[in-house]
Amino acid sequence: MPQLNPNPWFFIFLFSWLFFLIIMTKQVMNHLFNKEPKLKNTDKPKPEPWYWPWT
């Protein structure tokens, strides 16, 4: 039964996980975090005075 022989499958499993953990992690992180986060503006705008046409 060749499917129970772990010799070739273990190395395929090991190299695929190493590929995903080492190489793909860098590419995904570069894609996701390529921009600096922007700070929110904390200044509140001054309110405009209301205009009452009937006064």
PDB file of N, CA and C in Angstrom:
ATOM      1  N   MET A   1       0.846  -1.184   0.000  1.00  0.00           N
ATOM      2  CA  MET A   1       0.000   0.000   0.000  1.00  0.00           C
ATOM      3  C   MET A   1       0.889   1.245   0.000  1.00  0.00           C
ATOM      4  N   PRO A   2       1.040   1.891  -1.115  1.00  0.00           N
ATOM      5  CA  PRO A   2       1.967   3.025  -1.181  1.00  0.00           C
ATOM      6  C   PRO A   2       1.462   4.270  -0.449  1.00  0.00           C
ATOM      7  N   GLN A   3       0.145   4.417  -0.242  1.00  0.00           N
ATOM      8  CA  GLN A   3      -0.328   5.611   0.429  1.00  0.00           C
ATOM      9  C   GLN A   3       0.064   5.629   1.906  1.00  0.00           C
ATOM     10  N   LEU A   4       0.450   4.486   2.458  1.00  0.00           N
ATOM     11  CA  LEU A   4       0.872   4.453   3.856  1.00  0.00           C
ATOM     12  C   LEU A   4       2.367   4.685   4.011  1.00  0.00           C
ATOM     13  N   ASN A   5       3.065   4.793   2.943  1.00  0.00           N
ATOM     14  CA  ASN A   5       4.491   5.068   3.007  1.00  0.00           C
ATOM     15  C   ASN A   5       4.673   6.575   3.255  1.00  0.00           C
ATOM     16  N   PRO A   6       5.154   6.986   4.426  1.00  0.00           N
ATOM     17  CA  PRO A   6       5.237   8.411   4.732  1.00  0.00           C
ATOM     18  C   PRO A   6       6.445   9.119   4.127  1.00  0.00           C
ATOM     19  N   ASN A   7       7.313   8.370   3.508  1.00  0.00           N
ATOM     20  CA  ASN A   7       8.546   8.971   3.025  1.00  0.00           C
ATOM     21  C   ASN A   7       8.310  10.103   2.025  1.00  0.00           C
ATOM     22  N   PRO A   8       7.613   9.943   0.904  1.00  0.00           N
ATOM     23  CA  PRO A   8       7.453  11.084  -0.009  1.00  0.00           C
ATOM     24  C   PRO A   8       6.437  12.106   0.499  1.00  0.00           C
ATOM     25  N   TRP A   9       5.391  11.638   1.176  1.00  0.00           N
ATOM     26  CA  TRP A   9       4.313  12.542   1.582  1.00  0.00           C
ATOM     27  C   TRP A   9       4.731  13.470   2.709  1.00  0.00           C
ATOM     28  N   PHE A  10       5.576  12.986   3.560  1.00  0.00           N
ATOM     29  CA  PHE A  10       6.014  13.834   4.665  1.00  0.00           C
ATOM     30  C   PHE A  10       6.824  15.023   4.149  1.00  0.00           C
ATOM     31  N   PHE A  11       7.671  14.811   3.183  1.00  0.00           N
ATOM     32  CA  PHE A  11       8.475  15.913   2.644  1.00  0.00           C
ATOM     33  C   PHE A  11       7.622  16.893   1.836  1.00  0.00           C
ATOM     34  N   ILE A  12       6.633  16.388   1.149  1.00  0.00           N
ATOM     35  CA  ILE A  12       5.716  17.277   0.442  1.00  0.00           C
ATOM     36  C   ILE A  12       4.955  18.133   1.446  1.00  0.00           C
ATOM     37  N   PHE A  13       4.484  17.513   2.490  1.00  0.00           N
ATOM     38  CA  PHE A  13       3.781  18.245   3.546  1.00  0.00           C
ATOM     39  C   PHE A  13       4.693  19.271   4.208  1.00  0.00           C
ATOM     40  N   LEU A  14       5.897  18.885   4.527  1.00  0.00           N
ATOM     41  CA  LEU A  14       6.837  19.778   5.199  1.00  0.00           C
ATOM     42  C   LEU A  14       7.210  20.972   4.317  1.00  0.00           C
ATOM     43  N   PHE A  15       7.527  20.735   3.071  1.00  0.00           N
ATOM     44  CA  PHE A  15       7.920  21.829   2.178  1.00  0.00           C
ATOM     45  C   PHE A  15       6.745  22.744   1.843  1.00  0.00           C
ATOM     46  N   SER A  16       5.558  22.189   1.750  1.00  0.00           N
ATOM     47  CA  SER A  16       4.407  23.055   1.489  1.00  0.00           C
ATOM     48  C   SER A  16       4.132  23.970   2.686  1.00  0.00           C
ATOM     49  N   TRP A  17       4.251  23.458   3.894  1.00  0.00           N
ATOM     50  CA  TRP A  17       4.056  24.309   5.070  1.00  0.00           C
ATOM     51  C   TRP A  17       5.169  25.333   5.217  1.00  0.00           C
ATOM     52  N   LEU A  18       6.366  24.951   4.916  1.00  0.00           N
ATOM     53  CA  LEU A  18       7.450  25.930   4.963  1.00  0.00           C
ATOM     54  C   LEU A  18       7.245  27.025   3.932  1.00  0.00           C
ATOM     55  N   PHE A  19       6.773  26.660   2.788  1.00  0.00           N
ATOM     56  CA  PHE A  19       6.484  27.648   1.760  1.00  0.00           C
ATOM     57  C   PHE A  19       5.418  28.632   2.235  1.00  0.00           C
ATOM     58  N   PHE A  20       4.332  28.111   2.793  1.00  0.00           N
ATOM     59  CA  PHE A  20       3.254  28.994   3.246  1.00  0.00           C
ATOM     60  C   PHE A  20       3.655  29.831   4.453  1.00  0.00           C
ATOM     61  N   LEU A  21       4.441  29.278   5.332  1.00  0.00           N
ATOM     62  CA  LEU A  21       4.798  30.015   6.539  1.00  0.00           C
ATOM     63  C   LEU A  21       5.910  31.032   6.321  1.00  0.00           C
ATOM     64  N   ILE A  22       6.804  30.782   5.424  1.00  0.00           N
ATOM     65  CA  ILE A  22       7.949  31.678   5.243  1.00  0.00           C
ATOM     66  C   ILE A  22       7.743  32.620   4.059  1.00  0.00           C
ATOM     67  N   ILE A  23       7.450  32.087   2.908  1.00  0.00           N
ATOM     68  CA  ILE A  23       7.410  32.900   1.693  1.00  0.00           C
ATOM     69  C   ILE A  23       6.077  33.625   1.555  1.00  0.00           C
ATOM     70  N   MET A  24       4.988  32.920   1.698  1.00  0.00           N
ATOM     71  CA  MET A  24       3.680  33.536   1.492  1.00  0.00           C
ATOM     72  C   MET A  24       3.335  34.533   2.591  1.00  0.00           C
ATOM     73  N   THR A  25       3.820  34.339   3.792  1.00  0.00           N
ATOM     74  CA  THR A  25       3.532  35.274   4.872  1.00  0.00           C
ATOM     75  C   THR A  25       4.095  36.650   4.555  1.00  0.00           C
ATOM     76  N   LYS A  26       5.290  36.712   4.033  1.00  0.00           N
ATOM     77  CA  LYS A  26       5.895  37.992   3.680  1.00  0.00           C
ATOM     78  C   LYS A  26       5.112  38.677   2.573  1.00  0.00           C
ATOM     79  N   GLN A  27       4.691  37.935   1.593  1.00  0.00           N
ATOM     80  CA  GLN A  27       3.957  38.529   0.471  1.00  0.00           C
ATOM     81  C   GLN A  27       2.585  39.026   0.914  1.00  0.00           C
ATOM     82  N   VAL A  28       1.924  38.265   1.748  1.00  0.00           N
ATOM     83  CA  VAL A  28       0.604  38.682   2.218  1.00  0.00           C
ATOM     84  C   VAL A  28       0.724  39.902   3.119  1.00  0.00           C
ATOM     85  N   MET A  29       1.701  39.928   3.990  1.00  0.00           N
ATOM     86  CA  MET A  29       1.866  41.065   4.889  1.00  0.00           C
ATOM     87  C   MET A  29       2.266  42.318   4.110  1.00  0.00           C
ATOM     88  N   ASN A  30       3.059  42.193   3.079  1.00  0.00           N
ATOM     89  CA  ASN A  30       3.397  43.348   2.254  1.00  0.00           C
ATOM     90  C   ASN A  30       2.179  43.867   1.501  1.00  0.00           C
ATOM     91  N   HIS A  31       1.326  42.981   1.127  1.00  0.00           N
ATOM     92  CA  HIS A  31       0.127  43.400   0.402  1.00  0.00           C
ATOM     93  C   HIS A  31      -0.868  44.085   1.338  1.00  0.00           C
ATOM     94  N   LEU A  32      -1.018  43.598   2.538  1.00  0.00           N
ATOM     95  CA  LEU A  32      -2.025  44.129   3.448  1.00  0.00           C
ATOM     96  C   LEU A  32      -1.604  45.431   4.106  1.00  0.00           C
ATOM     97  N   PHE A  33      -0.355  45.557   4.457  1.00  0.00           N
ATOM     98  CA  PHE A  33       0.101  46.701   5.233  1.00  0.00           C
ATOM     99  C   PHE A  33       1.078  47.561   4.448  1.00  0.00           C
ATOM    100  N   ASN A  34       0.702  47.942   3.247  1.00  0.00           N
ATOM    101  CA  ASN A  34       1.616  48.742   2.441  1.00  0.00           C
ATOM    102  C   ASN A  34       1.395  50.237   2.636  1.00  0.00           C
ATOM    103  N   LYS A  35       0.364  50.644   3.384  1.00  0.00           N
ATOM    104  CA  LYS A  35       0.095  52.056   3.596  1.00  0.00           C
ATOM    105  C   LYS A  35       0.117  52.366   5.085  1.00  0.00           C
ATOM    106  N   GLU A  36       0.560  53.566   5.387  1.00  0.00           N
ATOM    107  CA  GLU A  36       0.549  54.010   6.784  1.00  0.00           C
ATOM    108  C   GLU A  36      -0.877  54.381   7.175  1.00  0.00           C
ATOM    109  N   PRO A  37      -1.264  54.069   8.403  1.00  0.00           N
ATOM    110  CA  PRO A  37      -2.603  54.486   8.817  1.00  0.00           C
ATOM    111  C   PRO A  37      -2.678  55.993   9.007  1.00  0.00           C
ATOM    112  N   LYS A  38      -3.801  56.565   8.673  1.00  0.00           N
ATOM    113  CA  LYS A  38      -3.990  58.003   8.802  1.00  0.00           C
ATOM    114  C   LYS A  38      -4.677  58.306  10.125  1.00  0.00           C
ATOM    115  N   LEU A  39      -4.247  59.398  10.736  1.00  0.00           N
ATOM    116  CA  LEU A  39      -4.871  59.807  11.976  1.00  0.00           C
ATOM    117  C   LEU A  39      -6.167  60.558  11.682  1.00  0.00           C
ATOM    118  N   LYS A  40      -7.106  60.407  12.575  1.00  0.00           N
ATOM    119  CA  LYS A  40      -8.360  61.127  12.410  1.00  0.00           C
ATOM    120  C   LYS A  40      -8.162  62.591  12.763  1.00  0.00           C
ATOM    121  N   ASN A  41      -8.900  63.424  12.104  1.00  0.00           N
ATOM    122  CA  ASN A  41      -8.842  64.845  12.396  1.00  0.00           C
ATOM    123  C   ASN A  41      -9.603  65.106  13.695  1.00  0.00           C
ATOM    124  N   THR A  42      -8.923  65.687  14.689  1.00  0.00           N
ATOM    125  CA  THR A  42      -9.559  65.924  15.986  1.00  0.00           C
ATOM    126  C   THR A  42     -10.132  67.325  16.103  1.00  0.00           C
ATOM    127  N   ASP A  43      -9.875  68.196  15.126  1.00  0.00           N
ATOM    128  CA  ASP A  43     -10.427  69.550  15.174  1.00  0.00           C
ATOM    129  C   ASP A  43     -11.898  69.519  14.791  1.00  0.00           C
ATOM    130  N   LYS A  44     -12.706  70.187  15.624  1.00  0.00           N
ATOM    131  CA  LYS A  44     -14.130  70.271  15.317  1.00  0.00           C
ATOM    132  C   LYS A  44     -14.376  71.541  14.504  1.00  0.00           C
ATOM    133  N   PRO A  45     -15.175  71.450  13.480  1.00  0.00           N
ATOM    134  CA  PRO A  45     -15.454  72.663  12.697  1.00  0.00           C
ATOM    135  C   PRO A  45     -16.328  73.623  13.507  1.00  0.00           C
ATOM    136  N   LYS A  46     -16.112  74.902  13.265  1.00  0.00           N
ATOM    137  CA  LYS A  46     -16.932  75.912  13.931  1.00  0.00           C
ATOM    138  C   LYS A  46     -18.326  75.886  13.339  1.00  0.00           C
ATOM    139  N   PRO A  47     -19.342  75.943  14.168  1.00  0.00           N
ATOM    140  CA  PRO A  47     -20.695  75.922  13.604  1.00  0.00           C
ATOM    141  C   PRO A  47     -21.041  77.255  12.953  1.00  0.00           C
ATOM    142  N   GLU A  48     -21.752  77.143  11.881  1.00  0.00           N
ATOM    143  CA  GLU A  48     -22.204  78.341  11.177  1.00  0.00           C
ATOM    144  C   GLU A  48     -23.415  78.917  11.914  1.00  0.00           C
ATOM    145  N   PRO A  49     -23.538  80.238  12.007  1.00  0.00           N
ATOM    146  CA  PRO A  49     -24.738  80.788  12.646  1.00  0.00           C
ATOM    147  C   PRO A  49     -25.970  80.582  11.770  1.00  0.00           C
ATOM    148  N   TRP A  50     -27.078  80.409  12.420  1.00  0.00           N
ATOM    149  CA  TRP A  50     -28.317  80.170  11.689  1.00  0.00           C
ATOM    150  C   TRP A  50     -28.868  81.481  11.144  1.00  0.00           C
ATOM    151  N   TYR A  51     -29.453  81.386  10.016  1.00  0.00           N
ATOM    152  CA  TYR A  51     -30.082  82.539   9.415  1.00  0.00           C
ATOM    153  C   TYR A  51     -31.599  82.354   9.497  1.00  0.00           C
ATOM    154  N   TRP A  52     -32.285  83.283  10.180  1.00  0.00           N
ATOM    155  CA  TRP A  52     -33.734  83.215  10.337  1.00  0.00           C
ATOM    156  C   TRP A  52     -34.363  84.273   9.422  1.00  0.00           C
ATOM    157  N   PRO A  53     -34.972  83.873   8.339  1.00  0.00           N
ATOM    158  CA  PRO A  53     -35.491  84.837   7.380  1.00  0.00           C
ATOM    159  C   PRO A  53     -36.689  85.648   7.904  1.00  0.00           C
ATOM    160  N   TRP A  54     -37.403  85.205   8.910  1.00  0.00           N
ATOM    161  CA  TRP A  54     -38.610  85.909   9.374  1.00  0.00           C
ATOM    162  C   TRP A  54     -38.309  86.893  10.501  1.00  0.00           C
ATOM    163  N   THR A  55     -37.036  87.060  10.911  1.00  0.00           N
ATOM    164  CA  THR A  55     -36.741  88.041  11.958  1.00  0.00           C
ATOM    165  C   THR A  55     -36.116  89.284  11.396  1.00  0.00           C
TER     166      THR A  55
END
